[in-house]
Amino acid sequence: MAKPNQAKEPELKPERDKLQESSGSGNSILINIITTTIVCIIFIGVNYFLQSNLLTTQLKNVTTEQSADEGTDEPLDKPEKGIVLDLGDFTMNLSDIEPRRYLKANVAIEITNPEPDPTQVEEPKKEGGHGGHGAETAPDPKASIVAEMEQYKPAIRDAVITVLTSKTSDELATTAGKELAKQQIAESVNGIFDGEREVIRVSFGQFIMQ
């Protein structure tokens, strides 16, 4: 009778081992799921905290800038506007040797328009009319400055020619080259004005190289 009992025991051990292995693997999966969930919750919480602090800081900066703008009555800086002096058309040879190249360009400069001196303001002129009465006409300050600049025009044109003829077609073919030429023209013309006026900007109209 003892022999049949001993034969049944080996058949039950594999089943118990399988149950233990399945139970252990199930616990491992559950632990992994719980760990992953906790990590995700922590990550979401940290990200939300950082985003909230960043948004709060940006809102404070915007509010501070708006308060500063509302507290100042001074207008924003605007580009200075002066008086434009058209120097006319230029046709000149460039410094290229082979092949020879020439430039045809229209150049204008914008010069400062200083505030008139109150002690030197001319009295308005009266135009004659019926009964000796006439309307008062104030002199145009811009027209007087343009007329004043006419005496400088030959020297200014010479300065423009000196700068441009020192350039090659390759130098003037680029935007940077044109801007450098404008800067050099402005410096030369400012030397002619000797502090009485100042060049705000130099403009090229027609600009053809052949």
C-alpha atoms as a PDB file:
ATOM      1  CA  MET A   1       0.000   0.000   0.000  1.00  0.00           C
ATOM      2  CA  ALA A   2       2.935   2.440   0.534  1.00  0.00           C
ATOM      3  CA  LYS A   3       4.178   2.132  -2.994  1.00  0.00           C
ATOM      4  CA  PRO A   4       1.201   3.801  -4.757  1.00  0.00           C
ATOM      5  CA  ASN A   5       1.467   6.851  -2.409  1.00  0.00           C
ATOM      6  CA  GLN A   6       5.120   7.341  -3.194  1.00  0.00           C
ATOM      7  CA  ALA A   7       4.395   7.215  -6.938  1.00  0.00           C
ATOM      8  CA  LYS A   8       1.841  10.079  -6.778  1.00  0.00           C
ATOM      9  CA  GLU A   9       4.065  12.651  -5.021  1.00  0.00           C
ATOM     10  CA  PRO A  10       6.406  13.357  -8.003  1.00  0.00           C
ATOM     11  CA  GLU A  11       3.371  14.257 -10.144  1.00  0.00           C
ATOM     12  CA  LEU A  12       2.203  17.008  -7.716  1.00  0.00           C
ATOM     13  CA  LYS A  13       5.536  18.872  -7.399  1.00  0.00           C
ATOM     14  CA  PRO A  14       5.630  20.337 -10.979  1.00  0.00           C
ATOM     15  CA  GLU A  15       2.140  21.732 -10.560  1.00  0.00           C
ATOM     16  CA  ARG A  16       3.084  23.465  -7.291  1.00  0.00           C
ATOM     17  CA  ASP A  17       6.221  24.883  -8.953  1.00  0.00           C
ATOM     18  CA  LYS A  18       4.143  26.258 -11.814  1.00  0.00           C
ATOM     19  CA  LEU A  19       1.762  27.925  -9.406  1.00  0.00           C
ATOM     20  CA  GLN A  20       4.646  29.516  -7.501  1.00  0.00           C
ATOM     21  CA  GLU A  21       6.294  30.764 -10.725  1.00  0.00           C
ATOM     22  CA  SER A  22       3.060  32.251 -12.055  1.00  0.00           C
ATOM     23  CA  SER A  23       2.410  33.890  -8.701  1.00  0.00           C
ATOM     24  CA  GLY A  24       5.935  35.361  -8.634  1.00  0.00           C
ATOM     25  CA  SER A  25       5.717  36.687 -12.214  1.00  0.00           C
ATOM     26  CA  GLY A  26       2.316  38.227 -11.481  1.00  0.00           C
ATOM     27  CA  ASN A  27       3.695  40.050  -8.449  1.00  0.00           C
ATOM     28  CA  SER A  28       6.656  41.319 -10.517  1.00  0.00           C
ATOM     29  CA  ILE A  29       4.358  42.721 -13.227  1.00  0.00           C
ATOM     30  CA  LEU A  30       2.187  44.386 -10.615  1.00  0.00           C
ATOM     31  CA  ILE A  31       5.234  45.957  -8.952  1.00  0.00           C
ATOM     32  CA  ASN A  32       6.464  47.247 -12.334  1.00  0.00           C
ATOM     33  CA  ILE A  33       3.053  48.769 -13.101  1.00  0.00           C
ATOM     34  CA  ILE A  34       2.884  50.474  -9.720  1.00  0.00           C
ATOM     35  CA  THR A  35       6.457  51.779 -10.038  1.00  0.00           C
ATOM     36  CA  THR A  36       5.823  53.117 -13.566  1.00  0.00           C
ATOM     37  CA  THR A  37       2.600  54.810 -12.418  1.00  0.00           C
ATOM     38  CA  ILE A  38       4.357  56.490  -9.482  1.00  0.00           C
ATOM     39  CA  VAL A  39       7.199  57.723 -11.730  1.00  0.00           C
ATOM     40  CA  CYS A  40       4.705  59.144 -14.247  1.00  0.00           C
ATOM     41  CA  ILE A  41       2.765  60.924 -11.499  1.00  0.00           C
ATOM     42  CA  ILE A  42       5.961  62.437 -10.097  1.00  0.00           C
ATOM     43  CA  PHE A  43       7.092  63.545 -13.585  1.00  0.00           C
ATOM     44  CA  ILE A  44       3.727  65.159 -14.363  1.00  0.00           C
ATOM     45  CA  GLY A  45       3.708  66.936 -11.000  1.00  0.00           C
ATOM     46  CA  VAL A  46       7.234  68.315 -11.420  1.00  0.00           C
ATOM     47  CA  ASN A  47       6.486  69.439 -14.986  1.00  0.00           C
ATOM     48  CA  TYR A  48       3.290  71.181 -13.881  1.00  0.00           C
ATOM     49  CA  PHE A  49       5.151  72.932 -11.071  1.00  0.00           C
ATOM     50  CA  LEU A  50       7.886  74.191 -13.395  1.00  0.00           C
ATOM     51  CA  GLN A  51       5.403  75.363 -16.046  1.00  0.00           C
ATOM     52  CA  SER A  52       3.327  77.182 -13.426  1.00  0.00           C
ATOM     53  CA  ASN A  53       6.392  79.011 -12.067  1.00  0.00           C
ATOM     54  CA  LEU A  54       7.536  79.961 -15.577  1.00  0.00           C
ATOM     55  CA  LEU A  55       4.094  81.277 -16.530  1.00  0.00           C
ATOM     56  CA  THR A  56       3.852  83.269 -13.303  1.00  0.00           C
ATOM     57  CA  THR A  57       7.279  84.835 -13.897  1.00  0.00           C
ATOM     58  CA  GLN A  58       6.380  85.814 -17.477  1.00  0.00           C
ATOM     59  CA  LEU A  59       3.109  87.388 -16.378  1.00  0.00           C
ATOM     60  CA  LYS A  60       4.940  89.424 -13.734  1.00  0.00           C
ATOM     61  CA  ASN A  61       7.452  90.661 -16.319  1.00  0.00           C
ATOM     62  CA  VAL A  62       4.688  91.668 -18.750  1.00  0.00           C
ATOM     63  CA  THR A  63       2.799  93.493 -15.996  1.00  0.00           C
ATOM     64  CA  THR A  64       5.961  95.332 -14.931  1.00  0.00           C
ATOM     65  CA  GLU A  65       6.720  96.423 -18.512  1.00  0.00           C
ATOM     66  CA  GLN A  66       3.153  97.638 -19.035  1.00  0.00           C
ATOM     67  CA  SER A  67       3.281  99.616 -15.801  1.00  0.00           C
ATOM     68  CA  ALA A  68       6.563 101.198 -16.819  1.00  0.00           C
ATOM     69  CA  ASP A  69       5.169 102.138 -20.242  1.00  0.00           C
ATOM     70  CA  GLU A  70       2.013 103.648 -18.723  1.00  0.00           C
ATOM     71  CA  GLY A  71       4.056 105.615 -16.210  1.00  0.00           C
ATOM     72  CA  THR A  72       6.106 107.427 -18.869  1.00  0.00           C
ATOM     73  CA  ASP A  73       4.580 110.192 -20.910  1.00  0.00           C
ATOM     74  CA  GLU A  74       7.601 110.563 -23.178  1.00  0.00           C
ATOM     75  CA  PRO A  75       7.014 109.474 -26.794  1.00  0.00           C
ATOM     76  CA  LEU A  76       9.018 106.637 -28.268  1.00  0.00           C
ATOM     77  CA  ASP A  77      12.103 107.525 -30.259  1.00  0.00           C
ATOM     78  CA  LYS A  78      11.275 108.081 -33.901  1.00  0.00           C
ATOM     79  CA  PRO A  79      13.696 108.056 -36.835  1.00  0.00           C
ATOM     80  CA  GLU A  80      15.145 111.514 -37.307  1.00  0.00           C
ATOM     81  CA  LYS A  81      13.859 113.275 -40.395  1.00  0.00           C
ATOM     82  CA  GLY A  82      15.984 115.809 -42.155  1.00  0.00           C
ATOM     83  CA  ILE A  83      16.160 117.619 -45.459  1.00  0.00           C
ATOM     84  CA  VAL A  84      16.855 115.593 -48.593  1.00  0.00           C
ATOM     85  CA  LEU A  85      19.396 117.055 -51.009  1.00  0.00           C
ATOM     86  CA  ASP A  86      19.298 115.421 -54.458  1.00  0.00           C
ATOM     87  CA  LEU A  87      22.802 115.339 -55.893  1.00  0.00           C
ATOM     88  CA  GLY A  88      21.622 114.242 -59.325  1.00  0.00           C
ATOM     89  CA  ASP A  89      22.937 111.495 -61.600  1.00  0.00           C
ATOM     90  CA  PHE A  90      26.511 110.239 -61.711  1.00  0.00           C
ATOM     91  CA  THR A  91      28.214 108.367 -64.545  1.00  0.00           C
ATOM     92  CA  MET A  92      31.762 107.243 -63.726  1.00  0.00           C
ATOM     93  CA  ASN A  93      34.343 104.571 -64.322  1.00  0.00           C
ATOM     94  CA  LEU A  94      34.959 102.062 -61.563  1.00  0.00           C
ATOM     95  CA  SER A  95      38.385 100.808 -60.538  1.00  0.00           C
ATOM     96  CA  ASP A  96      38.072  97.561 -62.530  1.00  0.00           C
ATOM     97  CA  ILE A  97      40.951  97.252 -65.021  1.00  0.00           C
ATOM     98  CA  GLU A  98      39.969  94.405 -67.315  1.00  0.00           C
ATOM     99  CA  PRO A  99      37.293  94.676 -68.429  1.00  0.00           C
ATOM    100  CA  ARG A 100      36.569  98.315 -67.750  1.00  0.00           C
ATOM    101  CA  ARG A 101      33.302  98.809 -65.892  1.00  0.00           C
ATOM    102  CA  TYR A 102      31.313 101.960 -65.273  1.00  0.00           C
ATOM    103  CA  LEU A 103      28.539 102.963 -62.925  1.00  0.00           C
ATOM    104  CA  LYS A 104      25.456 105.069 -63.458  1.00  0.00           C
ATOM    105  CA  ALA A 105      23.773 106.053 -60.213  1.00  0.00           C
ATOM    106  CA  ASN A 106      21.503 108.642 -58.659  1.00  0.00           C
ATOM    107  CA  VAL A 107      22.597 109.794 -55.212  1.00  0.00           C
ATOM    108  CA  ALA A 108      20.765 111.792 -52.557  1.00  0.00           C
ATOM    109  CA  ILE A 109      21.765 112.682 -49.021  1.00  0.00           C
ATOM    110  CA  GLU A 110      19.563 113.512 -46.055  1.00  0.00           C
ATOM    111  CA  ILE A 111      20.990 116.149 -43.741  1.00  0.00           C
ATOM    112  CA  THR A 112      19.959 117.324 -40.296  1.00  0.00           C
ATOM    113  CA  ASN A 113      17.475 120.133 -39.902  1.00  0.00           C
ATOM    114  CA  PRO A 114      18.510 121.917 -36.693  1.00  0.00           C
ATOM    115  CA  GLU A 115      16.046 123.982 -34.717  1.00  0.00           C
ATOM    116  CA  PRO A 116      16.128 127.629 -35.795  1.00  0.00           C
ATOM    117  CA  ASP A 117      17.763 130.155 -33.496  1.00  0.00           C
ATOM    118  CA  PRO A 118      14.965 132.340 -32.035  1.00  0.00           C
ATOM    119  CA  THR A 119      17.273 135.373 -32.070  1.00  0.00           C
ATOM    120  CA  GLN A 120      17.812 135.010 -35.820  1.00  0.00           C
ATOM    121  CA  VAL A 121      14.262 134.318 -36.951  1.00  0.00           C
ATOM    122  CA  GLU A 122      13.259 136.697 -39.717  1.00  0.00           C
ATOM    123  CA  GLU A 123      10.104 138.726 -39.394  1.00  0.00           C
ATOM    124  CA  PRO A 124       7.277 137.581 -41.670  1.00  0.00           C
ATOM    125  CA  LYS A 125       7.088 139.538 -44.912  1.00  0.00           C
ATOM    126  CA  LYS A 126       3.895 141.346 -45.836  1.00  0.00           C
ATOM    127  CA  GLU A 127       2.536 141.051 -49.342  1.00  0.00           C
ATOM    128  CA  GLY A 128       0.966 144.171 -50.754  1.00  0.00           C
ATOM    129  CA  GLY A 129      -2.779 144.332 -51.189  1.00  0.00           C
ATOM    130  CA  HIS A 130      -5.677 146.723 -51.366  1.00  0.00           C
ATOM    131  CA  GLY A 131      -5.363 149.594 -48.985  1.00  0.00           C
ATOM    132  CA  GLY A 132      -1.774 148.724 -48.144  1.00  0.00           C
ATOM    133  CA  HIS A 133      -2.819 145.683 -46.155  1.00  0.00           C
ATOM    134  CA  GLY A 134      -1.530 142.251 -47.032  1.00  0.00           C
ATOM    135  CA  ALA A 135      -1.177 138.747 -45.638  1.00  0.00           C
ATOM    136  CA  GLU A 136       1.926 137.872 -43.702  1.00  0.00           C
ATOM    137  CA  THR A 137       4.075 135.082 -45.179  1.00  0.00           C
ATOM    138  CA  ALA A 138       6.737 133.330 -43.111  1.00  0.00           C
ATOM    139  CA  PRO A 139       9.933 132.227 -44.870  1.00  0.00           C
ATOM    140  CA  ASP A 140      10.298 128.525 -45.602  1.00  0.00           C
ATOM    141  CA  PRO A 141      13.237 127.253 -43.472  1.00  0.00           C
ATOM    142  CA  LYS A 142      13.716 124.177 -45.642  1.00  0.00           C
ATOM    143  CA  ALA A 143      13.998 126.245 -48.790  1.00  0.00           C
ATOM    144  CA  SER A 144      16.653 128.408 -47.188  1.00  0.00           C
ATOM    145  CA  ILE A 145      18.669 125.352 -46.117  1.00  0.00           C
ATOM    146  CA  VAL A 146      18.428 123.817 -49.586  1.00  0.00           C
ATOM    147  CA  ALA A 147      19.613 127.109 -51.056  1.00  0.00           C
ATOM    148  CA  GLU A 148      22.451 127.146 -48.523  1.00  0.00           C
ATOM    149  CA  MET A 149      23.476 123.607 -49.518  1.00  0.00           C
ATOM    150  CA  GLU A 150      23.831 124.591 -53.161  1.00  0.00           C
ATOM    151  CA  GLN A 151      27.197 126.134 -52.379  1.00  0.00           C
ATOM    152  CA  TYR A 152      28.391 122.777 -51.032  1.00  0.00           C
ATOM    153  CA  LYS A 153      27.005 120.743 -53.911  1.00  0.00           C
ATOM    154  CA  PRO A 154      30.140 120.703 -56.118  1.00  0.00           C
ATOM    155  CA  ALA A 155      32.313 119.576 -53.205  1.00  0.00           C
ATOM    156  CA  ILE A 156      29.740 116.959 -52.176  1.00  0.00           C
ATOM    157  CA  ARG A 157      29.521 115.561 -55.715  1.00  0.00           C
ATOM    158  CA  ASP A 158      33.300 115.374 -55.847  1.00  0.00           C
ATOM    159  CA  ALA A 159      33.331 113.419 -52.553  1.00  0.00           C
ATOM    160  CA  VAL A 160      30.754 110.969 -53.945  1.00  0.00           C
ATOM    161  CA  ILE A 161      32.769 110.456 -57.128  1.00  0.00           C
ATOM    162  CA  THR A 162      35.995 109.924 -55.156  1.00  0.00           C
ATOM    163  CA  VAL A 163      34.409 107.211 -53.020  1.00  0.00           C
ATOM    164  CA  LEU A 164      32.584 105.359 -55.796  1.00  0.00           C
ATOM    165  CA  THR A 165      35.409 105.388 -58.344  1.00  0.00           C
ATOM    166  CA  SER A 166      37.655 103.716 -55.757  1.00  0.00           C
ATOM    167  CA  LYS A 167      35.351 100.688 -55.749  1.00  0.00           C
ATOM    168  CA  THR A 168      35.263  97.675 -58.042  1.00  0.00           C
ATOM    169  CA  SER A 169      32.090  96.286 -59.550  1.00  0.00           C
ATOM    170  CA  ASP A 170      32.409  93.214 -57.330  1.00  0.00           C
ATOM    171  CA  GLU A 171      32.508  95.395 -54.199  1.00  0.00           C
ATOM    172  CA  LEU A 172      29.439  97.364 -55.219  1.00  0.00           C
ATOM    173  CA  ALA A 173      27.542  94.266 -56.323  1.00  0.00           C
ATOM    174  CA  THR A 174      26.911  93.226 -52.710  1.00  0.00           C
ATOM    175  CA  THR A 175      24.611  94.857 -50.182  1.00  0.00           C
ATOM    176  CA  ALA A 176      27.468  95.121 -47.697  1.00  0.00           C
ATOM    177  CA  GLY A 177      29.617  96.857 -50.300  1.00  0.00           C
ATOM    178  CA  LYS A 178      26.917  99.428 -51.051  1.00  0.00           C
ATOM    179  CA  GLU A 179      26.386 100.113 -47.345  1.00  0.00           C
ATOM    180  CA  LEU A 180      30.126 100.628 -46.848  1.00  0.00           C
ATOM    181  CA  ALA A 181      30.180 103.079 -49.758  1.00  0.00           C
ATOM    182  CA  LYS A 182      27.251 104.998 -48.216  1.00  0.00           C
ATOM    183  CA  GLN A 183      29.057 105.189 -44.889  1.00  0.00           C
ATOM    184  CA  GLN A 184      32.247 106.477 -46.529  1.00  0.00           C
ATOM    185  CA  ILE A 185      30.280 109.084 -48.496  1.00  0.00           C
ATOM    186  CA  ALA A 186      28.597 110.294 -45.293  1.00  0.00           C
ATOM    187  CA  GLU A 187      31.968 110.619 -43.537  1.00  0.00           C
ATOM    188  CA  SER A 188      33.439 112.594 -46.449  1.00  0.00           C
ATOM    189  CA  VAL A 189      30.451 114.946 -46.665  1.00  0.00           C
ATOM    190  CA  ASN A 190      30.457 115.516 -42.882  1.00  0.00           C
ATOM    191  CA  GLY A 191      34.044 116.665 -43.270  1.00  0.00           C
ATOM    192  CA  ILE A 192      32.850 119.230 -45.810  1.00  0.00           C
ATOM    193  CA  PHE A 193      30.121 120.533 -43.510  1.00  0.00           C
ATOM    194  CA  ASP A 194      32.646 120.841 -40.663  1.00  0.00           C
ATOM    195  CA  GLY A 195      29.986 120.415 -37.971  1.00  0.00           C
ATOM    196  CA  GLU A 196      27.425 122.856 -39.401  1.00  0.00           C
ATOM    197  CA  ARG A 197      25.286 119.995 -40.679  1.00  0.00           C
ATOM    198  CA  GLU A 198      25.386 116.227 -40.385  1.00  0.00           C
ATOM    199  CA  VAL A 199      24.455 113.523 -42.859  1.00  0.00           C
ATOM    200  CA  ILE A 200      21.653 111.306 -41.532  1.00  0.00           C
ATOM    201  CA  ARG A 201      21.681 108.855 -44.433  1.00  0.00           C
ATOM    202  CA  VAL A 202      22.827 108.386 -48.019  1.00  0.00           C
ATOM    203  CA  SER A 203      20.455 106.917 -50.602  1.00  0.00           C
ATOM    204  CA  PHE A 204      21.095 105.387 -54.013  1.00  0.00           C
ATOM    205  CA  GLY A 205      18.334 105.708 -56.586  1.00  0.00           C
ATOM    206  CA  GLN A 206      19.192 104.332 -60.005  1.00  0.00           C
ATOM    207  CA  PHE A 207      22.237 102.083 -59.633  1.00  0.00           C
ATOM    208  CA  ILE A 208      23.411 100.392 -62.843  1.00  0.00           C
ATOM    209  CA  MET A 209      26.819  98.827 -63.478  1.00  0.00           C
ATOM    210  CA  GLN A 210      27.927  97.868 -66.991  1.00  0.00           C
END
